[in-house]
Amino acid sequence: MTDQPSLDELAARAERLDQARLALKRDLAERVVFGRDDSGLVEIGVDHTAKVVEVAVNAALVGRVDPKVLANAVLQAAGEAQRKARELVAERRSYYLGTQ
């Protein structure tokens, strides 16, 4: 007697894994995560690949800041959003696939 799984068991595992990957892909495709700079000047949304998909600038504040401050706010918000996207992908991957 062998402890090795049968071909049917291996095929069933592979099918479950394929279904989990598909569910993960669908789940992530619908998500956008947001990052904001410390001053609340800029908010940036990114998809699960960390691609920027939304940018919002606080109109009440933007006219009162130096362009360098605005640029730094954009970078800070983008960095936070991208970090959150990485965390989201890791969390959802663990949920669907049981891996990090």
PDB file of N, CA and C in Angstrom:
ATOM      1  N   MET A   1       0.840  -1.181   0.000  1.00  0.00           N
ATOM      2  CA  MET A   1       0.000   0.000   0.000  1.00  0.00           C
ATOM      3  C   MET A   1       0.884   1.243   0.000  1.00  0.00           C
ATOM      4  N   THR A   2       0.468   2.254  -0.688  1.00  0.00           N
ATOM      5  CA  THR A   2       1.267   3.471  -0.829  1.00  0.00           C
ATOM      6  C   THR A   2       0.556   4.668  -0.218  1.00  0.00           C
ATOM      7  N   ASP A   3       1.369   5.617   0.244  1.00  0.00           N
ATOM      8  CA  ASP A   3       0.820   6.855   0.808  1.00  0.00           C
ATOM      9  C   ASP A   3       0.683   7.939  -0.257  1.00  0.00           C
ATOM     10  N   GLN A   4       1.038   7.621  -1.466  1.00  0.00           N
ATOM     11  CA  GLN A   4       0.961   8.581  -2.557  1.00  0.00           C
ATOM     12  C   GLN A   4      -0.492   8.783  -2.984  1.00  0.00           C
ATOM     13  N   PRO A   5      -0.878  10.027  -3.276  1.00  0.00           N
ATOM     14  CA  PRO A   5      -2.250  10.258  -3.745  1.00  0.00           C
ATOM     15  C   PRO A   5      -2.453   9.658  -5.133  1.00  0.00           C
ATOM     16  N   SER A   6      -3.675   9.278  -5.403  1.00  0.00           N
ATOM     17  CA  SER A   6      -4.001   8.725  -6.718  1.00  0.00           C
ATOM     18  C   SER A   6      -4.039   9.856  -7.750  1.00  0.00           C
ATOM     19  N   LEU A   7      -4.063   9.473  -8.994  1.00  0.00           N
ATOM     20  CA  LEU A   7      -4.165  10.464 -10.064  1.00  0.00           C
ATOM     21  C   LEU A   7      -5.470  11.240  -9.968  1.00  0.00           C
ATOM     22  N   ASP A   8      -6.536  10.578  -9.583  1.00  0.00           N
ATOM     23  CA  ASP A   8      -7.826  11.262  -9.417  1.00  0.00           C
ATOM     24  C   ASP A   8      -7.748  12.303  -8.298  1.00  0.00           C
ATOM     25  N   GLU A   9      -7.082  11.937  -7.206  1.00  0.00           N
ATOM     26  CA  GLU A   9      -6.925  12.893  -6.099  1.00  0.00           C
ATOM     27  C   GLU A   9      -6.073  14.087  -6.519  1.00  0.00           C
ATOM     28  N   LEU A  10      -5.013  13.812  -7.253  1.00  0.00           N
ATOM     29  CA  LEU A  10      -4.159  14.901  -7.747  1.00  0.00           C
ATOM     30  C   LEU A  10      -4.925  15.807  -8.705  1.00  0.00           C
ATOM     31  N   ALA A  11      -5.725  15.209  -9.566  1.00  0.00           N
ATOM     32  CA  ALA A  11      -6.528  16.000 -10.510  1.00  0.00           C
ATOM     33  C   ALA A  11      -7.548  16.850  -9.761  1.00  0.00           C
ATOM     34  N   ALA A  12      -8.153  16.288  -8.728  1.00  0.00           N
ATOM     35  CA  ALA A  12      -9.129  17.046  -7.939  1.00  0.00           C
ATOM     36  C   ALA A  12      -8.457  18.215  -7.220  1.00  0.00           C
ATOM     37  N   ARG A  13      -7.266  17.978  -6.677  1.00  0.00           N
ATOM     38  CA  ARG A  13      -6.510  19.075  -6.025  1.00  0.00           C
ATOM     39  C   ARG A  13      -6.173  20.178  -7.021  1.00  0.00           C
ATOM     40  N   ALA A  14      -5.726  19.761  -8.192  1.00  0.00           N
ATOM     41  CA  ALA A  14      -5.370  20.739  -9.226  1.00  0.00           C
ATOM     42  C   ALA A  14      -6.597  21.562  -9.631  1.00  0.00           C
ATOM     43  N   GLU A  15      -7.737  20.910  -9.751  1.00  0.00           N
ATOM     44  CA  GLU A  15      -8.972  21.616 -10.110  1.00  0.00           C
ATOM     45  C   GLU A  15      -9.359  22.614  -9.020  1.00  0.00           C
ATOM     46  N   ARG A  16      -9.257  22.197  -7.750  1.00  0.00           N
ATOM     47  CA  ARG A  16      -9.572  23.119  -6.644  1.00  0.00           C
ATOM     48  C   ARG A  16      -8.626  24.316  -6.648  1.00  0.00           C
ATOM     49  N   LEU A  17      -7.357  24.065  -6.907  1.00  0.00           N
ATOM     50  CA  LEU A  17      -6.379  25.150  -6.958  1.00  0.00           C
ATOM     51  C   LEU A  17      -6.678  26.096  -8.115  1.00  0.00           C
ATOM     52  N   ASP A  18      -7.017  25.553  -9.261  1.00  0.00           N
ATOM     53  CA  ASP A  18      -7.383  26.397 -10.408  1.00  0.00           C
ATOM     54  C   ASP A  18      -8.597  27.265 -10.090  1.00  0.00           C
ATOM     55  N   GLN A  19      -9.598  26.673  -9.445  1.00  0.00           N
ATOM     56  CA  GLN A  19     -10.795  27.429  -9.069  1.00  0.00           C
ATOM     57  C   GLN A  19     -10.459  28.519  -8.059  1.00  0.00           C
ATOM     58  N   ALA A  20      -9.580  28.217  -7.111  1.00  0.00           N
ATOM     59  CA  ALA A  20      -9.178  29.209  -6.115  1.00  0.00           C
ATOM     60  C   ALA A  20      -8.414  30.356  -6.773  1.00  0.00           C
ATOM     61  N   ARG A  21      -7.546  30.044  -7.711  1.00  0.00           N
ATOM     62  CA  ARG A  21      -6.805  31.096  -8.425  1.00  0.00           C
ATOM     63  C   ARG A  21      -7.748  31.987  -9.222  1.00  0.00           C
ATOM     64  N   LEU A  22      -8.731  31.389  -9.852  1.00  0.00           N
ATOM     65  CA  LEU A  22      -9.710  32.160 -10.612  1.00  0.00           C
ATOM     66  C   LEU A  22     -10.520  33.063  -9.681  1.00  0.00           C
ATOM     67  N   ALA A  23     -10.931  32.538  -8.551  1.00  0.00           N
ATOM     68  CA  ALA A  23     -11.677  33.342  -7.573  1.00  0.00           C
ATOM     69  C   ALA A  23     -10.811  34.487  -7.052  1.00  0.00           C
ATOM     70  N   LEU A  24      -9.536  34.220  -6.793  1.00  0.00           N
ATOM     71  CA  LEU A  24      -8.610  35.262  -6.343  1.00  0.00           C
ATOM     72  C   LEU A  24      -8.483  36.355  -7.400  1.00  0.00           C
ATOM     73  N   LYS A  25      -8.324  35.952  -8.644  1.00  0.00           N
ATOM     74  CA  LYS A  25      -8.199  36.921  -9.739  1.00  0.00           C
ATOM     75  C   LYS A  25      -9.442  37.798  -9.844  1.00  0.00           C
ATOM     76  N   ARG A  26     -10.623  37.192  -9.757  1.00  0.00           N
ATOM     77  CA  ARG A  26     -11.873  37.969  -9.818  1.00  0.00           C
ATOM     78  C   ARG A  26     -11.994  38.911  -8.622  1.00  0.00           C
ATOM     79  N   ASP A  27     -11.660  38.411  -7.451  1.00  0.00           N
ATOM     80  CA  ASP A  27     -11.736  39.216  -6.229  1.00  0.00           C
ATOM     81  C   ASP A  27     -10.834  40.442  -6.343  1.00  0.00           C
ATOM     82  N   LEU A  28      -9.593  40.237  -6.726  1.00  0.00           N
ATOM     83  CA  LEU A  28      -8.641  41.347  -6.794  1.00  0.00           C
ATOM     84  C   LEU A  28      -8.975  42.333  -7.902  1.00  0.00           C
ATOM     85  N   ALA A  29      -9.555  41.854  -8.986  1.00  0.00           N
ATOM     86  CA  ALA A  29      -9.877  42.733 -10.112  1.00  0.00           C
ATOM     87  C   ALA A  29     -10.888  43.806  -9.724  1.00  0.00           C
ATOM     88  N   GLU A  30     -11.685  43.541  -8.698  1.00  0.00           N
ATOM     89  CA  GLU A  30     -12.727  44.482  -8.286  1.00  0.00           C
ATOM     90  C   GLU A  30     -12.287  45.447  -7.188  1.00  0.00           C
ATOM     91  N   ARG A  31     -11.052  45.344  -6.744  1.00  0.00           N
ATOM     92  CA  ARG A  31     -10.626  46.121  -5.582  1.00  0.00           C
ATOM     93  C   ARG A  31      -9.709  47.288  -5.944  1.00  0.00           C
ATOM     94  N   VAL A  32      -9.911  48.379  -5.235  1.00  0.00           N
ATOM     95  CA  VAL A  32      -9.023  49.542  -5.296  1.00  0.00           C
ATOM     96  C   VAL A  32      -8.714  49.901  -3.849  1.00  0.00           C
ATOM     97  N   VAL A  33      -7.443  50.122  -3.557  1.00  0.00           N
ATOM     98  CA  VAL A  33      -7.053  50.559  -2.216  1.00  0.00           C
ATOM     99  C   VAL A  33      -6.532  51.984  -2.309  1.00  0.00           C
ATOM    100  N   PHE A  34      -6.684  52.723  -1.214  1.00  0.00           N
ATOM    101  CA  PHE A  34      -6.355  54.143  -1.212  1.00  0.00           C
ATOM    102  C   PHE A  34      -5.272  54.457  -0.207  1.00  0.00           C
ATOM    103  N   GLY A  35      -4.456  55.415  -0.595  1.00  0.00           N
ATOM    104  CA  GLY A  35      -3.443  55.959   0.303  1.00  0.00           C
ATOM    105  C   GLY A  35      -3.584  57.466   0.331  1.00  0.00           C
ATOM    106  N   ARG A  36      -3.288  58.033   1.472  1.00  0.00           N
ATOM    107  CA  ARG A  36      -3.415  59.481   1.649  1.00  0.00           C
ATOM    108  C   ARG A  36      -2.152  59.997   2.313  1.00  0.00           C
ATOM    109  N   ASP A  37      -1.734  61.188   1.936  1.00  0.00           N
ATOM    110  CA  ASP A  37      -0.581  61.786   2.598  1.00  0.00           C
ATOM    111  C   ASP A  37      -0.998  62.251   3.994  1.00  0.00           C
ATOM    112  N   ASP A  38      -0.024  62.551   4.835  1.00  0.00           N
ATOM    113  CA  ASP A  38      -0.297  62.914   6.222  1.00  0.00           C
ATOM    114  C   ASP A  38      -1.142  64.175   6.371  1.00  0.00           C
ATOM    115  N   SER A  39      -1.020  65.108   5.424  1.00  0.00           N
ATOM    116  CA  SER A  39      -1.741  66.378   5.534  1.00  0.00           C
ATOM    117  C   SER A  39      -3.159  66.314   4.961  1.00  0.00           C
ATOM    118  N   GLY A  40      -3.497  65.221   4.268  1.00  0.00           N
ATOM    119  CA  GLY A  40      -4.816  65.111   3.650  1.00  0.00           C
ATOM    120  C   GLY A  40      -4.939  65.881   2.353  1.00  0.00           C
ATOM    121  N   LEU A  41      -3.808  66.232   1.770  1.00  0.00           N
ATOM    122  CA  LEU A  41      -3.797  67.000   0.526  1.00  0.00           C
ATOM    123  C   LEU A  41      -4.117  66.122  -0.686  1.00  0.00           C
ATOM    124  N   VAL A  42      -3.612  64.893  -0.674  1.00  0.00           N
ATOM    125  CA  VAL A  42      -3.743  64.015  -1.837  1.00  0.00           C
ATOM    126  C   VAL A  42      -4.195  62.629  -1.385  1.00  0.00           C
ATOM    127  N   GLU A  43      -5.086  62.029  -2.184  1.00  0.00           N
ATOM    128  CA  GLU A  43      -5.475  60.637  -1.998  1.00  0.00           C
ATOM    129  C   GLU A  43      -5.319  59.938  -3.335  1.00  0.00           C
ATOM    130  N   ILE A  44      -4.682  58.769  -3.303  1.00  0.00           N
ATOM    131  CA  ILE A  44      -4.426  58.014  -4.527  1.00  0.00           C
ATOM    132  C   ILE A  44      -4.987  56.613  -4.369  1.00  0.00           C
ATOM    133  N   GLY A  45      -5.667  56.137  -5.405  1.00  0.00           N
ATOM    134  CA  GLY A  45      -6.180  54.772  -5.444  1.00  0.00           C
ATOM    135  C   GLY A  45      -5.364  53.942  -6.419  1.00  0.00           C
ATOM    136  N   VAL A  46      -5.052  52.725  -6.011  1.00  0.00           N
ATOM    137  CA  VAL A  46      -4.308  51.804  -6.877  1.00  0.00           C
ATOM    138  C   VAL A  46      -5.053  50.476  -6.945  1.00  0.00           C
ATOM    139  N   ASP A  47      -4.833  49.764  -8.053  1.00  0.00           N
ATOM    140  CA  ASP A  47      -5.409  48.430  -8.169  1.00  0.00           C
ATOM    141  C   ASP A  47      -4.473  47.413  -7.528  1.00  0.00           C
ATOM    142  N   HIS A  48      -4.780  46.134  -7.660  1.00  0.00           N
ATOM    143  CA  HIS A  48      -3.982  45.105  -6.998  1.00  0.00           C
ATOM    144  C   HIS A  48      -2.567  44.982  -7.548  1.00  0.00           C
ATOM    145  N   THR A  49      -2.316  45.544  -8.710  1.00  0.00           N
ATOM    146  CA  THR A  49      -0.965  45.525  -9.267  1.00  0.00           C
ATOM    147  C   THR A  49      -0.182  46.766  -8.884  1.00  0.00           C
ATOM    148  N   ALA A  50      -0.786  47.629  -8.057  1.00  0.00           N
ATOM    149  CA  ALA A  50      -0.210  48.892  -7.596  1.00  0.00           C
ATOM    150  C   ALA A  50      -0.218  49.964  -8.684  1.00  0.00           C
ATOM    151  N   LYS A  51      -0.992  49.747  -9.744  1.00  0.00           N
ATOM    152  CA  LYS A  51      -1.151  50.747 -10.796  1.00  0.00           C
ATOM    153  C   LYS A  51      -2.100  51.836 -10.296  1.00  0.00           C
ATOM    154  N   VAL A  52      -1.691  53.079 -10.464  1.00  0.00           N
ATOM    155  CA  VAL A  52      -2.532  54.202 -10.033  1.00  0.00           C
ATOM    156  C   VAL A  52      -3.760  54.269 -10.932  1.00  0.00           C
ATOM    157  N   VAL A  53      -4.948  54.267 -10.297  1.00  0.00           N
ATOM    158  CA  VAL A  53      -6.196  54.320 -11.050  1.00  0.00           C
ATOM    159  C   VAL A  53      -7.042  55.533 -10.679  1.00  0.00           C
ATOM    160  N   GLU A  54      -6.718  56.186  -9.557  1.00  0.00           N
ATOM    161  CA  GLU A  54      -7.460  57.371  -9.128  1.00  0.00           C
ATOM    162  C   GLU A  54      -6.520  58.324  -8.402  1.00  0.00           C
ATOM    163  N   VAL A  55      -6.733  59.610  -8.631  1.00  0.00           N
ATOM    164  CA  VAL A  55      -6.002  60.652  -7.905  1.00  0.00           C
ATOM    165  C   VAL A  55      -7.005  61.729  -7.522  1.00  0.00           C
ATOM    166  N   ALA A  56      -6.983  62.098  -6.248  1.00  0.00           N
ATOM    167  CA  ALA A  56      -7.850  63.173  -5.772  1.00  0.00           C
ATOM    168  C   ALA A  56      -6.980  64.167  -5.012  1.00  0.00           C
ATOM    169  N   VAL A  57      -7.168  65.442  -5.317  1.00  0.00           N
ATOM    170  CA  VAL A  57      -6.427  66.512  -4.653  1.00  0.00           C
ATOM    171  C   VAL A  57      -7.435  67.380  -3.913  1.00  0.00           C
ATOM    172  N   ASN A  58      -7.126  67.690  -2.675  1.00  0.00           N
ATOM    173  CA  ASN A  58      -7.988  68.530  -1.850  1.00  0.00           C
ATOM    174  C   ASN A  58      -7.967  69.949  -2.414  1.00  0.00           C
ATOM    175  N   ALA A  59      -9.041  70.352  -3.065  1.00  0.00           N
ATOM    176  CA  ALA A  59      -9.109  71.656  -3.731  1.00  0.00           C
ATOM    177  C   ALA A  59      -8.987  72.816  -2.748  1.00  0.00           C
ATOM    178  N   ALA A  60      -9.421  72.626  -1.530  1.00  0.00           N
ATOM    179  CA  ALA A  60      -9.354  73.691  -0.537  1.00  0.00           C
ATOM    180  C   ALA A  60      -7.920  73.952  -0.096  1.00  0.00           C
ATOM    181  N   LEU A  61      -7.049  72.949  -0.208  1.00  0.00           N
ATOM    182  CA  LEU A  61      -5.669  73.099   0.252  1.00  0.00           C
ATOM    183  C   LEU A  61      -4.659  73.323  -0.867  1.00  0.00           C
ATOM    184  N   VAL A  62      -4.938  72.822  -2.041  1.00  0.00           N
ATOM    185  CA  VAL A  62      -3.923  72.787  -3.091  1.00  0.00           C
ATOM    186  C   VAL A  62      -3.418  74.178  -3.490  1.00  0.00           C
ATOM    187  N   GLY A  63      -4.275  75.175  -3.465  1.00  0.00           N
ATOM    188  CA  GLY A  63      -3.851  76.523  -3.845  1.00  0.00           C
ATOM    189  C   GLY A  63      -2.941  77.182  -2.831  1.00  0.00           C
ATOM    190  N   ARG A  64      -2.837  76.615  -1.649  1.00  0.00           N
ATOM    191  CA  ARG A  64      -2.037  77.213  -0.581  1.00  0.00           C
ATOM    192  C   ARG A  64      -0.699  76.532  -0.358  1.00  0.00           C
ATOM    193  N   VAL A  65      -0.367  75.563  -1.193  1.00  0.00           N
ATOM    194  CA  VAL A  65       0.887  74.843  -0.969  1.00  0.00           C
ATOM    195  C   VAL A  65       1.840  75.012  -2.141  1.00  0.00           C
ATOM    196  N   ASP A  66       3.103  74.924  -1.827  1.00  0.00           N
ATOM    197  CA  ASP A  66       4.176  74.973  -2.817  1.00  0.00           C
ATOM    198  C   ASP A  66       4.095  73.716  -3.695  1.00  0.00           C
ATOM    199  N   PRO A  67       4.433  73.819  -4.981  1.00  0.00           N
ATOM    200  CA  PRO A  67       4.406  72.638  -5.851  1.00  0.00           C
ATOM    201  C   PRO A  67       5.242  71.467  -5.322  1.00  0.00           C
ATOM    202  N   LYS A  68       6.343  71.767  -4.640  1.00  0.00           N
ATOM    203  CA  LYS A  68       7.171  70.689  -4.077  1.00  0.00           C
ATOM    204  C   LYS A  68       6.413  69.946  -2.972  1.00  0.00           C
ATOM    205  N   VAL A  69       5.646  70.668  -2.201  1.00  0.00           N
ATOM    206  CA  VAL A  69       4.834  70.047  -1.148  1.00  0.00           C
ATOM    207  C   VAL A  69       3.788  69.142  -1.789  1.00  0.00           C
ATOM    208  N   LEU A  70       3.174  69.630  -2.854  1.00  0.00           N
ATOM    209  CA  LEU A  70       2.189  68.809  -3.573  1.00  0.00           C
ATOM    210  C   LEU A  70       2.840  67.553  -4.129  1.00  0.00           C
ATOM    211  N   ALA A  71       3.998  67.698  -4.736  1.00  0.00           N
ATOM    212  CA  ALA A  71       4.699  66.545  -5.295  1.00  0.00           C
ATOM    213  C   ALA A  71       5.029  65.527  -4.203  1.00  0.00           C
ATOM    214  N   ASN A  72       5.499  65.992  -3.071  1.00  0.00           N
ATOM    215  CA  ASN A  72       5.807  65.078  -1.968  1.00  0.00           C
ATOM    216  C   ASN A  72       4.547  64.400  -1.445  1.00  0.00           C
ATOM    217  N   ALA A  73       3.446  65.136  -1.412  1.00  0.00           N
ATOM    218  CA  ALA A  73       2.178  64.563  -0.966  1.00  0.00           C
ATOM    219  C   ALA A  73       1.735  63.451  -1.912  1.00  0.00           C
ATOM    220  N   VAL A  74       1.900  63.671  -3.214  1.00  0.00           N
ATOM    221  CA  VAL A  74       1.546  62.654  -4.199  1.00  0.00           C
ATOM    222  C   VAL A  74       2.398  61.402  -3.988  1.00  0.00           C
ATOM    223  N   LEU A  75       3.692  61.583  -3.808  1.00  0.00           N
ATOM    224  CA  LEU A  75       4.574  60.435  -3.599  1.00  0.00           C
ATOM    225  C   LEU A  75       4.230  59.686  -2.317  1.00  0.00           C
ATOM    226  N   GLN A  76       3.947  60.416  -1.256  1.00  0.00           N
ATOM    227  CA  GLN A  76       3.601  59.784   0.011  1.00  0.00           C
ATOM    228  C   GLN A  76       2.290  58.996  -0.113  1.00  0.00           C
ATOM    229  N   ALA A  77       1.293  59.599  -0.736  1.00  0.00           N
ATOM    230  CA  ALA A  77       0.009  58.919  -0.905  1.00  0.00           C
ATOM    231  C   ALA A  77       0.156  57.688  -1.798  1.00  0.00           C
ATOM    232  N   ALA A  78       0.925  57.814  -2.864  1.00  0.00           N
ATOM    233  CA  ALA A  78       1.138  56.677  -3.765  1.00  0.00           C
ATOM    234  C   ALA A  78       1.862  55.549  -3.045  1.00  0.00           C
ATOM    235  N   GLY A  79       2.871  55.875  -2.268  1.00  0.00           N
ATOM    236  CA  GLY A  79       3.603  54.853  -1.517  1.00  0.00           C
ATOM    237  C   GLY A  79       2.707  54.120  -0.540  1.00  0.00           C
ATOM    238  N   GLU A  80       1.858  54.858   0.160  1.00  0.00           N
ATOM    239  CA  GLU A  80       0.934  54.225   1.103  1.00  0.00           C
ATOM    240  C   GLU A  80      -0.055  53.322   0.377  1.00  0.00           C
ATOM    241  N   ALA A  81      -0.604  53.798  -0.736  1.00  0.00           N
ATOM    242  CA  ALA A  81      -1.558  52.997  -1.498  1.00  0.00           C
ATOM    243  C   ALA A  81      -0.896  51.731  -2.034  1.00  0.00           C
ATOM    244  N   GLN A  82       0.312  51.836  -2.529  1.00  0.00           N
ATOM    245  CA  GLN A  82       1.015  50.671  -3.059  1.00  0.00           C
ATOM    246  C   GLN A  82       1.333  49.665  -1.955  1.00  0.00           C
ATOM    247  N   ARG A  83       1.695  50.150  -0.776  1.00  0.00           N
ATOM    248  CA  ARG A  83       1.932  49.258   0.363  1.00  0.00           C
ATOM    249  C   ARG A  83       0.646  48.515   0.721  1.00  0.00           C
ATOM    250  N   LYS A  84      -0.465  49.248   0.757  1.00  0.00           N
ATOM    251  CA  LYS A  84      -1.749  48.630   1.066  1.00  0.00           C
ATOM    252  C   LYS A  84      -2.145  47.611   0.000  1.00  0.00           C
ATOM    253  N   ALA A  85      -1.808  47.879  -1.256  1.00  0.00           N
ATOM    254  CA  ALA A  85      -2.115  46.928  -2.329  1.00  0.00           C
ATOM    255  C   ALA A  85      -1.331  45.636  -2.131  1.00  0.00           C
ATOM    256  N   ARG A  86      -0.059  45.739  -1.766  1.00  0.00           N
ATOM    257  CA  ARG A  86       0.741  44.540  -1.509  1.00  0.00           C
ATOM    258  C   ARG A  86       0.158  43.736  -0.352  1.00  0.00           C
ATOM    259  N   GLU A  87      -0.251  44.437   0.701  1.00  0.00           N
ATOM    260  CA  GLU A  87      -0.857  43.760   1.850  1.00  0.00           C
ATOM    261  C   GLU A  87      -2.165  43.074   1.461  1.00  0.00           C
ATOM    262  N   LEU A  88      -2.970  43.757   0.651  1.00  0.00           N
ATOM    263  CA  LEU A  88      -4.232  43.182   0.198  1.00  0.00           C
ATOM    264  C   LEU A  88      -3.997  41.905  -0.599  1.00  0.00           C
ATOM    265  N   VAL A  89      -3.060  41.953  -1.537  1.00  0.00           N
ATOM    266  CA  VAL A  89      -2.777  40.779  -2.361  1.00  0.00           C
ATOM    267  C   VAL A  89      -2.314  39.624  -1.483  1.00  0.00           C
ATOM    268  N   ALA A  90      -1.431  39.885  -0.530  1.00  0.00           N
ATOM    269  CA  ALA A  90      -0.953  38.821   0.351  1.00  0.00           C
ATOM    270  C   ALA A  90      -2.092  38.240   1.182  1.00  0.00           C
ATOM    271  N   GLU A  91      -2.956  39.090   1.697  1.00  0.00           N
ATOM    272  CA  GLU A  91      -4.073  38.634   2.522  1.00  0.00           C
ATOM    273  C   GLU A  91      -5.066  37.810   1.704  1.00  0.00           C
ATOM    274  N   ARG A  92      -5.414  38.284   0.519  1.00  0.00           N
ATOM    275  CA  ARG A  92      -6.377  37.570  -0.320  1.00  0.00           C
ATOM    276  C   ARG A  92      -5.772  36.271  -0.859  1.00  0.00           C
ATOM    277  N   ARG A  93      -4.481  36.293  -1.197  1.00  0.00           N
ATOM    278  CA  ARG A  93      -3.814  35.076  -1.668  1.00  0.00           C
ATOM    279  C   ARG A  93      -3.841  34.014  -0.565  1.00  0.00           C
ATOM    280  N   SER A  94      -3.567  34.449   0.660  1.00  0.00           N
ATOM    281  CA  SER A  94      -3.604  33.518   1.790  1.00  0.00           C
ATOM    282  C   SER A  94      -5.014  32.963   1.978  1.00  0.00           C
ATOM    283  N   TYR A  95      -6.004  33.822   1.842  1.00  0.00           N
ATOM    284  CA  TYR A  95      -7.399  33.394   1.992  1.00  0.00           C
ATOM    285  C   TYR A  95      -7.788  32.339   0.957  1.00  0.00           C
ATOM    286  N   TYR A  96      -7.466  32.617  -0.309  1.00  0.00           N
ATOM    287  CA  TYR A  96      -7.891  31.719  -1.384  1.00  0.00           C
ATOM    288  C   TYR A  96      -6.975  30.512  -1.567  1.00  0.00           C
ATOM    289  N   LEU A  97      -5.674  30.729  -1.395  1.00  0.00           N
ATOM    290  CA  LEU A  97      -4.732  29.666  -1.730  1.00  0.00           C
ATOM    291  C   LEU A  97      -4.021  29.086  -0.519  1.00  0.00           C
ATOM    292  N   GLY A  98      -4.167  29.732   0.630  1.00  0.00           N
ATOM    293  CA  GLY A  98      -3.510  29.241   1.822  1.00  0.00           C
ATOM    294  C   GLY A  98      -2.013  29.448   1.815  1.00  0.00           C
ATOM    295  N   THR A  99      -1.545  30.449   1.050  1.00  0.00           N
ATOM    296  CA  THR A  99      -0.118  30.735   0.954  1.00  0.00           C
ATOM    297  C   THR A  99       0.126  32.213   1.143  1.00  0.00           C
ATOM    298  N   GLN A 100       1.367  32.563   1.371  1.00  0.00           N
ATOM    299  CA  GLN A 100       1.745  33.968   1.501  1.00  0.00           C
ATOM    300  C   GLN A 100       2.151  34.498   0.188  1.00  0.00           C
TER     301      GLN A 100
END
